[in-house]
PDB file of N, CA and C in Angstrom:
ATOM      1  N   MET A   1     -63.357  28.432 133.757  1.00  0.00           N
ATOM      2  CA  MET A   1     -62.203  28.465 132.899  1.00  0.00           C
ATOM      3  C   MET A   1     -61.950  27.041 132.420  1.00  0.00           C
ATOM      4  N   VAL A   2     -61.578  26.938 131.173  1.00  0.00           N
ATOM      5  CA  VAL A   2     -61.281  25.624 130.603  1.00  0.00           C
ATOM      6  C   VAL A   2     -59.883  25.675 130.004  1.00  0.00           C
ATOM      7  N   ILE A   3     -59.044  24.739 130.420  1.00  0.00           N
ATOM      8  CA  ILE A   3     -57.696  24.625 129.885  1.00  0.00           C
ATOM      9  C   ILE A   3     -57.659  23.390 129.002  1.00  0.00           C
ATOM     10  N   LEU A   4     -57.282  23.592 127.753  1.00  0.00           N
ATOM     11  CA  LEU A   4     -57.213  22.491 126.804  1.00  0.00           C
ATOM     12  C   LEU A   4     -55.768  22.230 126.414  1.00  0.00           C
ATOM     13  N   ALA A   5     -55.418  20.961 126.328  1.00  0.00           N
ATOM     14  CA  ALA A   5     -54.084  20.551 125.882  1.00  0.00           C
ATOM     15  C   ALA A   5     -54.244  19.306 125.020  1.00  0.00           C
ATOM     16  N   ALA A   6     -53.400  19.197 124.027  1.00  0.00           N
ATOM     17  CA  ALA A   6     -53.426  18.001 123.182  1.00  0.00           C
ATOM     18  C   ALA A   6     -53.117  16.776 124.038  1.00  0.00           C
ATOM     19  N   LYS A   7     -53.862  15.713 123.799  1.00  0.00           N
ATOM     20  CA  LYS A   7     -53.616  14.464 124.526  1.00  0.00           C
ATOM     21  C   LYS A   7     -52.256  13.897 124.142  1.00  0.00           C
ATOM     22  N   ALA A   8     -51.686  13.137 125.040  1.00  0.00           N
ATOM     23  CA  ALA A   8     -50.411  12.474 124.769  1.00  0.00           C
ATOM     24  C   ALA A   8     -50.548  11.619 123.508  1.00  0.00           C
ATOM     25  N   GLY A   9     -49.585  11.730 122.627  1.00  0.00           N
ATOM     26  CA  GLY A   9     -49.581  10.938 121.401  1.00  0.00           C
ATOM     27  C   GLY A   9     -50.321  11.579 120.243  1.00  0.00           C
ATOM     28  N   VAL A  10     -51.047  12.656 120.476  1.00  0.00           N
ATOM     29  CA  VAL A  10     -51.748  13.343 119.399  1.00  0.00           C
ATOM     30  C   VAL A  10     -50.755  14.248 118.679  1.00  0.00           C
ATOM     31  N   THR A  11     -50.706  14.145 117.367  1.00  0.00           N
ATOM     32  CA  THR A  11     -49.755  14.934 116.583  1.00  0.00           C
ATOM     33  C   THR A  11     -50.343  16.295 116.221  1.00  0.00           C
ATOM     34  N   ARG A  12     -49.459  17.203 115.920  1.00  0.00           N
ATOM     35  CA  ARG A  12     -49.876  18.534 115.454  1.00  0.00           C
ATOM     36  C   ARG A  12     -50.723  18.417 114.190  1.00  0.00           C
ATOM     37  N   GLU A  13     -50.361  17.488 113.322  1.00  0.00           N
ATOM     38  CA  GLU A  13     -51.096  17.290 112.075  1.00  0.00           C
ATOM     39  C   GLU A  13     -52.542  16.864 112.341  1.00  0.00           C
ATOM     40  N   GLN A  14     -52.741  15.999 113.340  1.00  0.00           N
ATOM     41  CA  GLN A  14     -54.100  15.586 113.695  1.00  0.00           C
ATOM     42  C   GLN A  14     -54.928  16.778 114.155  1.00  0.00           C
ATOM     43  N   VAL A  15     -54.328  17.601 114.988  1.00  0.00           N
ATOM     44  CA  VAL A  15     -55.041  18.779 115.501  1.00  0.00           C
ATOM     45  C   VAL A  15     -55.332  19.753 114.372  1.00  0.00           C
ATOM     46  N   MET A  16     -54.339  20.025 113.545  1.00  0.00           N
ATOM     47  CA  MET A  16     -54.504  21.008 112.473  1.00  0.00           C
ATOM     48  C   MET A  16     -55.541  20.571 111.436  1.00  0.00           C
ATOM     49  N   ALA A  17     -55.725  19.285 111.258  1.00  0.00           N
ATOM     50  CA  ALA A  17     -56.741  18.803 110.319  1.00  0.00           C
ATOM     51  C   ALA A  17     -58.151  19.176 110.777  1.00  0.00           C
ATOM     52  N   VAL A  18     -58.347  19.316 112.062  1.00  0.00           N
ATOM     53  CA  VAL A  18     -59.660  19.623 112.626  1.00  0.00           C
ATOM     54  C   VAL A  18     -59.806  21.127 112.910  1.00  0.00           C
ATOM     55  N   MET A  19     -58.699  21.840 112.892  1.00  0.00           N
ATOM     56  CA  MET A  19     -58.688  23.238 113.328  1.00  0.00           C
ATOM     57  C   MET A  19     -59.653  24.162 112.577  1.00  0.00           C
ATOM     58  N   PRO A  20     -59.824  24.066 111.263  1.00  0.00           N
ATOM     59  CA  PRO A  20     -60.787  24.976 110.620  1.00  0.00           C
ATOM     60  C   PRO A  20     -62.201  24.860 111.208  1.00  0.00           C
ATOM     61  N   ALA A  21     -62.659  23.662 111.428  1.00  0.00           N
ATOM     62  CA  ALA A  21     -63.989  23.472 112.022  1.00  0.00           C
ATOM     63  C   ALA A  21     -64.010  23.938 113.468  1.00  0.00           C
ATOM     64  N   GLU A  22     -62.936  23.677 114.202  1.00  0.00           N
ATOM     65  CA  GLU A  22     -62.843  24.103 115.604  1.00  0.00           C
ATOM     66  C   GLU A  22     -62.904  25.624 115.708  1.00  0.00           C
ATOM     67  N   ILE A  23     -62.174  26.303 114.845  1.00  0.00           N
ATOM     68  CA  ILE A  23     -62.158  27.765 114.876  1.00  0.00           C
ATOM     69  C   ILE A  23     -63.537  28.317 114.558  1.00  0.00           C
ATOM     70  N   ARG A  24     -64.186  27.801 113.533  1.00  0.00           N
ATOM     71  CA  ARG A  24     -65.539  28.278 113.186  1.00  0.00           C
ATOM     72  C   ARG A  24     -66.490  28.155 114.359  1.00  0.00           C
ATOM     73  N   GLU A  25     -66.449  27.013 115.024  1.00  0.00           N
ATOM     74  CA  GLU A  25     -67.383  26.782 116.131  1.00  0.00           C
ATOM     75  C   GLU A  25     -67.030  27.608 117.368  1.00  0.00           C
ATOM     76  N   THR A  26     -65.745  27.805 117.644  1.00  0.00           N
ATOM     77  CA  THR A  26     -65.384  28.621 118.808  1.00  0.00           C
ATOM     78  C   THR A  26     -65.698  30.099 118.546  1.00  0.00           C
ATOM     79  N   VAL A  27     -65.547  30.554 117.321  1.00  0.00           N
ATOM     80  CA  VAL A  27     -65.930  31.939 117.001  1.00  0.00           C
ATOM     81  C   VAL A  27     -67.430  32.115 117.199  1.00  0.00           C
ATOM     82  N   GLN A  28     -68.224  31.139 116.801  1.00  0.00           N
ATOM     83  CA  GLN A  28     -69.673  31.219 117.017  1.00  0.00           C
ATOM     84  C   GLN A  28     -69.993  31.273 118.512  1.00  0.00           C
ATOM     85  N   LEU A  29     -69.278  30.502 119.316  1.00  0.00           N
ATOM     86  CA  LEU A  29     -69.492  30.552 120.767  1.00  0.00           C
ATOM     87  C   LEU A  29     -69.109  31.916 121.332  1.00  0.00           C
ATOM     88  N   TYR A  30     -68.037  32.499 120.804  1.00  0.00           N
ATOM     89  CA  TYR A  30     -67.629  33.838 121.234  1.00  0.00           C
ATOM     90  C   TYR A  30     -68.699  34.861 120.858  1.00  0.00           C
ATOM     91  N   LEU A  31     -69.139  34.814 119.625  1.00  0.00           N
ATOM     92  CA  LEU A  31     -70.154  35.765 119.167  1.00  0.00           C
ATOM     93  C   LEU A  31     -71.483  35.577 119.897  1.00  0.00           C
ATOM     94  N   GLY A  32     -71.739  34.352 120.352  1.00  0.00           N
ATOM     95  CA  GLY A  32     -72.949  34.057 121.106  1.00  0.00           C
ATOM     96  C   GLY A  32     -72.823  34.355 122.597  1.00  0.00           C
ATOM     97  N   GLY A  33     -71.651  34.826 123.027  1.00  0.00           N
ATOM     98  CA  GLY A  33     -71.466  35.203 124.415  1.00  0.00           C
ATOM     99  C   GLY A  33     -71.105  34.068 125.353  1.00  0.00           C
ATOM    100  N   LYS A  34     -70.838  32.893 124.843  1.00  0.00           N
ATOM    101  CA  LYS A  34     -70.471  31.760 125.709  1.00  0.00           C
ATOM    102  C   LYS A  34     -68.989  31.748 126.039  1.00  0.00           C
ATOM    103  N   ILE A  35     -68.151  32.125 125.098  1.00  0.00           N
ATOM    104  CA  ILE A  35     -66.729  32.269 125.358  1.00  0.00           C
ATOM    105  C   ILE A  35     -66.467  33.754 125.538  1.00  0.00           C
ATOM    106  N   ARG A  36     -65.995  34.123 126.717  1.00  0.00           N
ATOM    107  CA  ARG A  36     -65.732  35.537 127.008  1.00  0.00           C
ATOM    108  C   ARG A  36     -64.323  35.934 126.580  1.00  0.00           C
ATOM    109  N   GLU A  37     -63.338  35.073 126.855  1.00  0.00           N
ATOM    110  CA  GLU A  37     -61.943  35.348 126.506  1.00  0.00           C
ATOM    111  C   GLU A  37     -61.294  34.039 126.079  1.00  0.00           C
ATOM    112  N   TRP A  38     -60.248  34.157 125.275  1.00  0.00           N
ATOM    113  CA  TRP A  38     -59.475  32.981 124.906  1.00  0.00           C
ATOM    114  C   TRP A  38     -58.021  33.352 124.725  1.00  0.00           C
ATOM    115  N   TYR A  39     -57.179  32.434 125.097  1.00  0.00           N
ATOM    116  CA  TYR A  39     -55.735  32.657 125.080  1.00  0.00           C
ATOM    117  C   TYR A  39     -55.034  31.405 124.574  1.00  0.00           C
ATOM    118  N   SER A  40     -53.870  31.610 123.946  1.00  0.00           N
ATOM    119  CA  SER A  40     -52.992  30.490 123.608  1.00  0.00           C
ATOM    120  C   SER A  40     -52.174  30.148 124.835  1.00  0.00           C
ATOM    121  N   ARG A  41     -51.955  28.865 125.051  1.00  0.00           N
ATOM    122  CA  ARG A  41     -51.071  28.460 126.136  1.00  0.00           C
ATOM    123  C   ARG A  41     -49.638  28.823 125.770  1.00  0.00           C
ATOM    124  N   GLY A  42     -48.866  29.225 126.754  1.00  0.00           N
ATOM    125  CA  GLY A  42     -47.477  29.600 126.520  1.00  0.00           C
ATOM    126  C   GLY A  42     -46.620  28.467 126.010  1.00  0.00           C
ATOM    127  N   ASP A  43     -47.006  27.231 126.335  1.00  0.00           N
ATOM    128  CA  ASP A  43     -46.224  26.078 125.883  1.00  0.00           C
ATOM    129  C   ASP A  43     -46.617  25.603 124.487  1.00  0.00           C
ATOM    130  N   GLY A  44     -47.587  26.285 123.866  1.00  0.00           N
ATOM    131  CA  GLY A  44     -47.996  25.923 122.513  1.00  0.00           C
ATOM    132  C   GLY A  44     -48.831  24.664 122.411  1.00  0.00           C
ATOM    133  N   ARG A  45     -49.261  24.107 123.546  1.00  0.00           N
ATOM    134  CA  ARG A  45     -49.975  22.829 123.524  1.00  0.00           C
ATOM    135  C   ARG A  45     -51.495  22.969 123.577  1.00  0.00           C
ATOM    136  N   GLY A  46     -52.027  24.175 123.521  1.00  0.00           N
ATOM    137  CA  GLY A  46     -53.473  24.289 123.591  1.00  0.00           C
ATOM    138  C   GLY A  46     -53.920  25.704 123.865  1.00  0.00           C
ATOM    139  N   VAL A  47     -55.095  25.812 124.467  1.00  0.00           N
ATOM    140  CA  VAL A  47     -55.697  27.115 124.720  1.00  0.00           C
ATOM    141  C   VAL A  47     -56.328  27.152 126.106  1.00  0.00           C
ATOM    142  N   VAL A  48     -56.656  28.373 126.517  1.00  0.00           N
ATOM    143  CA  VAL A  48     -57.410  28.594 127.745  1.00  0.00           C
ATOM    144  C   VAL A  48     -58.621  29.430 127.365  1.00  0.00           C
ATOM    145  N   PHE A  49     -59.795  28.957 127.731  1.00  0.00           N
ATOM    146  CA  PHE A  49     -61.039  29.693 127.491  1.00  0.00           C
ATOM    147  C   PHE A  49     -61.605  30.154 128.821  1.00  0.00           C
ATOM    148  N   VAL A  50     -62.071  31.388 128.862  1.00  0.00           N
ATOM    149  CA  VAL A  50     -62.898  31.849 129.970  1.00  0.00           C
ATOM    150  C   VAL A  50     -64.315  31.825 129.421  1.00  0.00           C
ATOM    151  N   VAL A  51     -65.126  30.919 129.942  1.00  0.00           N
ATOM    152  CA  VAL A  51     -66.487  30.749 129.436  1.00  0.00           C
ATOM    153  C   VAL A  51     -67.482  31.399 130.385  1.00  0.00           C
ATOM    154  N   ASP A  52     -68.557  31.912 129.822  1.00  0.00           N
ATOM    155  CA  ASP A  52     -69.580  32.609 130.596  1.00  0.00           C
ATOM    156  C   ASP A  52     -70.774  31.673 130.764  1.00  0.00           C
ATOM    157  N   VAL A  53     -70.648  30.798 131.762  1.00  0.00           N
ATOM    158  CA  VAL A  53     -71.702  29.824 132.056  1.00  0.00           C
ATOM    159  C   VAL A  53     -71.890  29.756 133.564  1.00  0.00           C
ATOM    160  N   LYS A  54     -72.981  29.112 133.990  1.00  0.00           N
ATOM    161  CA  LYS A  54     -73.281  29.121 135.424  1.00  0.00           C
ATOM    162  C   LYS A  54     -72.487  28.104 136.228  1.00  0.00           C
ATOM    163  N   ASP A  55     -72.007  27.028 135.587  1.00  0.00           N
ATOM    164  CA  ASP A  55     -71.273  26.012 136.339  1.00  0.00           C
ATOM    165  C   ASP A  55     -70.399  25.168 135.416  1.00  0.00           C
ATOM    166  N   VAL A  56     -69.618  24.304 136.025  1.00  0.00           N
ATOM    167  CA  VAL A  56     -68.699  23.448 135.270  1.00  0.00           C
ATOM    168  C   VAL A  56     -69.457  22.513 134.332  1.00  0.00           C
ATOM    169  N   ALA A  57     -70.604  22.026 134.744  1.00  0.00           N
ATOM    170  CA  ALA A  57     -71.388  21.127 133.887  1.00  0.00           C
ATOM    171  C   ALA A  57     -71.760  21.817 132.572  1.00  0.00           C
ATOM    172  N   ALA A  58     -72.129  23.077 132.651  1.00  0.00           N
ATOM    173  CA  ALA A  58     -72.486  23.822 131.440  1.00  0.00           C
ATOM    174  C   ALA A  58     -71.255  24.029 130.556  1.00  0.00           C
ATOM    175  N   ALA A  59     -70.108  24.287 131.169  1.00  0.00           N
ATOM    176  CA  ALA A  59     -68.866  24.434 130.400  1.00  0.00           C
ATOM    177  C   ALA A  59     -68.519  23.131 129.691  1.00  0.00           C
ATOM    178  N   LYS A  60     -68.677  22.017 130.394  1.00  0.00           N
ATOM    179  CA  LYS A  60     -68.395  20.708 129.782  1.00  0.00           C
ATOM    180  C   LYS A  60     -69.311  20.449 128.602  1.00  0.00           C
ATOM    181  N   ALA A  61     -70.574  20.788 128.738  1.00  0.00           N
ATOM    182  CA  ALA A  61     -71.530  20.570 127.648  1.00  0.00           C
ATOM    183  C   ALA A  61     -71.117  21.333 126.397  1.00  0.00           C
ATOM    184  N   ILE A  62     -70.626  22.546 126.584  1.00  0.00           N
ATOM    185  CA  ILE A  62     -70.189  23.358 125.444  1.00  0.00           C
ATOM    186  C   ILE A  62     -68.910  22.795 124.839  1.00  0.00           C
ATOM    187  N   MET A  63     -67.913  22.543 125.678  1.00  0.00           N
ATOM    188  CA  MET A  63     -66.604  22.112 125.179  1.00  0.00           C
ATOM    189  C   MET A  63     -66.641  20.727 124.543  1.00  0.00           C
ATOM    190  N   GLU A  64     -67.430  19.836 125.089  1.00  0.00           N
ATOM    191  CA  GLU A  64     -67.475  18.470 124.567  1.00  0.00           C
ATOM    192  C   GLU A  64     -68.191  18.374 123.228  1.00  0.00           C
ATOM    193  N   ASP A  65     -68.838  19.464 122.811  1.00  0.00           N
ATOM    194  CA  ASP A  65     -69.523  19.480 121.522  1.00  0.00           C
ATOM    195  C   ASP A  65     -68.648  20.047 120.405  1.00  0.00           C
ATOM    196  N   LEU A  66     -67.450  20.482 120.749  1.00  0.00           N
ATOM    197  CA  LEU A  66     -66.543  21.025 119.740  1.00  0.00           C
ATOM    198  C   LEU A  66     -65.810  19.908 118.988  1.00  0.00           C
ATOM    199  N   PRO A  67     -65.396  20.180 117.743  1.00  0.00           N
ATOM    200  CA  PRO A  67     -64.782  19.138 116.911  1.00  0.00           C
ATOM    201  C   PRO A  67     -63.576  18.428 117.516  1.00  0.00           C
ATOM    202  N   LEU A  68     -62.640  19.164 118.158  1.00  0.00           N
ATOM    203  CA  LEU A  68     -61.468  18.500 118.733  1.00  0.00           C
ATOM    204  C   LEU A  68     -61.866  17.542 119.849  1.00  0.00           C
ATOM    205  N   ALA A  69     -62.865  17.911 120.636  1.00  0.00           N
ATOM    206  CA  ALA A  69     -63.334  17.033 121.708  1.00  0.00           C
ATOM    207  C   ALA A  69     -64.052  15.814 121.130  1.00  0.00           C
ATOM    208  N   LYS A  70     -64.845  16.043 120.110  1.00  0.00           N
ATOM    209  CA  LYS A  70     -65.570  14.914 119.485  1.00  0.00           C
ATOM    210  C   LYS A  70     -64.613  13.875 118.923  1.00  0.00           C
ATOM    211  N   GLN A  71     -63.442  14.320 118.482  1.00  0.00           N
ATOM    212  CA  GLN A  71     -62.444  13.381 117.957  1.00  0.00           C
ATOM    213  C   GLN A  71     -61.474  12.927 119.039  1.00  0.00           C
ATOM    214  N   ASP A  72     -61.737  13.314 120.290  1.00  0.00           N
ATOM    215  CA  ASP A  72     -60.962  12.879 121.454  1.00  0.00           C
ATOM    216  C   ASP A  72     -59.469  13.207 121.321  1.00  0.00           C
ATOM    217  N   LEU A  73     -59.197  14.435 120.848  1.00  0.00           N
ATOM    218  CA  LEU A  73     -57.809  14.848 120.652  1.00  0.00           C
ATOM    219  C   LEU A  73     -57.266  15.699 121.790  1.00  0.00           C
ATOM    220  N   MET A  74     -58.157  16.212 122.646  1.00  0.00           N
ATOM    221  CA  MET A  74     -57.735  17.158 123.677  1.00  0.00           C
ATOM    222  C   MET A  74     -58.135  16.688 125.067  1.00  0.00           C
ATOM    223  N   ASP A  75     -57.286  17.046 126.042  1.00  0.00           N
ATOM    224  CA  ASP A  75     -57.650  16.918 127.452  1.00  0.00           C
ATOM    225  C   ASP A  75     -58.217  18.263 127.884  1.00  0.00           C
ATOM    226  N   HIS A  76     -59.232  18.215 128.737  1.00  0.00           N
ATOM    227  CA  HIS A  76     -59.873  19.423 129.245  1.00  0.00           C
ATOM    228  C   HIS A  76     -59.751  19.460 130.761  1.00  0.00           C
ATOM    229  N   GLU A  77     -59.359  20.606 131.281  1.00  0.00           N
ATOM    230  CA  GLU A  77     -59.360  20.823 132.724  1.00  0.00           C
ATOM    231  C   GLU A  77     -60.316  21.977 132.993  1.00  0.00           C
ATOM    232  N   TYR A  78     -61.299  21.728 133.847  1.00  0.00           N
ATOM    233  CA  TYR A  78     -62.329  22.722 134.157  1.00  0.00           C
ATOM    234  C   TYR A  78     -62.084  23.283 135.554  1.00  0.00           C
ATOM    235  N   ILE A  79     -62.067  24.609 135.652  1.00  0.00           N
ATOM    236  CA  ILE A  79     -61.866  25.276 136.933  1.00  0.00           C
ATOM    237  C   ILE A  79     -62.943  26.350 137.065  1.00  0.00           C
ATOM    238  N   ALA A  80     -63.799  26.195 138.084  1.00  0.00           N
ATOM    239  CA  ALA A  80     -64.814  27.214 138.337  1.00  0.00           C
ATOM    240  C   ALA A  80     -64.125  28.465 138.878  1.00  0.00           C
ATOM    241  N   ILE A  81     -64.475  29.614 138.322  1.00  0.00           N
ATOM    242  CA  ILE A  81     -63.920  30.886 138.791  1.00  0.00           C
ATOM    243  C   ILE A  81     -65.061  31.869 139.022  1.00  0.00           C
ATOM    244  N   GLY A  82     -64.780  32.873 139.813  1.00  0.00           N
ATOM    245  CA  GLY A  82     -65.777  33.893 140.096  1.00  0.00           C
ATOM    246  C   GLY A  82     -65.119  35.106 140.698  1.00  0.00           C
ATOM    247  N   PRO A  83     -65.928  36.032 141.183  1.00  0.00           N
ATOM    248  CA  PRO A  83     -65.374  37.254 141.772  1.00  0.00           C
ATOM    249  C   PRO A  83     -64.447  36.945 142.944  1.00  0.00           C
ATOM    250  N   LEU A  84     -63.492  37.814 143.161  1.00  0.00           N
ATOM    251  CA  LEU A  84     -62.570  37.698 144.285  1.00  0.00           C
ATOM    252  C   LEU A  84     -63.281  38.246 145.515  1.00  0.00           C
ATOM    253  N   LEU A  85     -63.918  37.367 146.243  1.00  0.00           N
ATOM    254  CA  LEU A  85     -64.802  37.768 147.338  1.00  0.00           C
ATOM    255  C   LEU A  85     -64.126  38.547 148.469  1.00  0.00           C
ATOM    256  N   PRO A  86     -62.856  38.308 148.788  1.00  0.00           N
ATOM    257  CA  PRO A  86     -62.243  39.116 149.847  1.00  0.00           C
ATOM    258  C   PRO A  86     -62.215  40.618 149.540  1.00  0.00           C
ATOM    259  N   LEU A  87     -62.416  41.002 148.295  1.00  0.00           N
ATOM    260  CA  LEU A  87     -62.462  42.428 147.972  1.00  0.00           C
ATOM    261  C   LEU A  87     -63.602  43.141 148.681  1.00  0.00           C
ATOM    262  N   ARG A  88     -64.577  42.372 149.158  1.00  0.00           N
ATOM    263  CA  ARG A  88     -65.670  42.975 149.924  1.00  0.00           C
ATOM    264  C   ARG A  88     -65.139  43.693 151.166  1.00  0.00           C
ATOM    265  N   LEU A  89     -64.017  43.237 151.681  1.00  0.00           N
ATOM    266  CA  LEU A  89     -63.422  43.886 152.852  1.00  0.00           C
ATOM    267  C   LEU A  89     -63.059  45.341 152.563  1.00  0.00           C
ATOM    268  N   LEU A  90     -62.709  45.629 151.332  1.00  0.00           N
ATOM    269  CA  LEU A  90     -62.378  47.000 150.959  1.00  0.00           C
ATOM    270  C   LEU A  90     -63.607  47.904 150.997  1.00  0.00           C
ATOM    271  N   MET A  91     -64.772  47.305 150.861  1.00  0.00           N
ATOM    272  CA  MET A  91     -66.014  48.065 150.825  1.00  0.00           C
ATOM    273  C   MET A  91     -66.643  48.211 152.208  1.00  0.00           C
ATOM    274  N   ALA A  92     -66.101  47.530 153.194  1.00  0.00           N
ATOM    275  CA  ALA A  92     -66.660  47.571 154.539  1.00  0.00           C
ATOM    276  C   ALA A  92     -66.475  48.969 155.148  1.00  0.00           C
ATOM    277  N   ASN A  93     -67.331  49.319 156.039  1.00  0.00           N
ATOM    278  CA  ASN A  93     -67.264  50.595 156.741  1.00  0.00           C
ATOM    279  C   ASN A  93     -65.995  50.608 157.596  1.00  0.00           C
ATOM    280  N   PRO A  94     -65.076  51.547 157.368  1.00  0.00           N
ATOM    281  CA  PRO A  94     -63.805  51.550 158.118  1.00  0.00           C
ATOM    282  C   PRO A  94     -63.999  51.702 159.626  1.00  0.00           C
ATOM    283  N   ASP A  95     -65.056  52.366 160.054  1.00  0.00           N
ATOM    284  CA  ASP A  95     -65.311  52.526 161.489  1.00  0.00           C
ATOM    285  C   ASP A  95     -65.701  51.206 162.144  1.00  0.00           C
ATOM    286  N   ARG A  96     -66.261  50.282 161.367  1.00  0.00           N
ATOM    287  CA  ARG A  96     -66.744  49.027 161.915  1.00  0.00           C
ATOM    288  C   ARG A  96     -65.696  47.932 161.862  1.00  0.00           C
ATOM    289  N   ARG A  97     -64.565  48.147 161.183  1.00  0.00           N
ATOM    290  CA  ARG A  97     -63.523  47.120 161.045  1.00  0.00           C
ATOM    291  C   ARG A  97     -62.722  46.931 162.315  1.00  0.00           C
ATOM    292  N   GLN A  98     -62.807  47.787 163.246  1.00  0.00           N
ATOM    293  CA  GLN A  98     -61.975  47.692 164.442  1.00  0.00           C
ATOM    294  C   GLN A  98     -62.575  46.864 165.470  1.00  0.00           C
TER     295      GLN A  98
END
């Protein structure tokens, strides 16, 4: 998961000037299967992407190639996510759990 927020001191106008190119490239990533989901942040300061990559390094490689990142307008926070492994307990044999 990647959380993006405008850097301190970056104006809305600066971001919006780059937004057409950013949107084109993120749509291509979505259509290519690299971005699985995307959301607007509730505070209006950025977006959250769920990316379909094997690790944080791969996510960074994708995000750092986007126009807003190239112009150093956004902060990125990378969080590795995966299946909720404790759910395996639900699949365990009930006779063996005791």
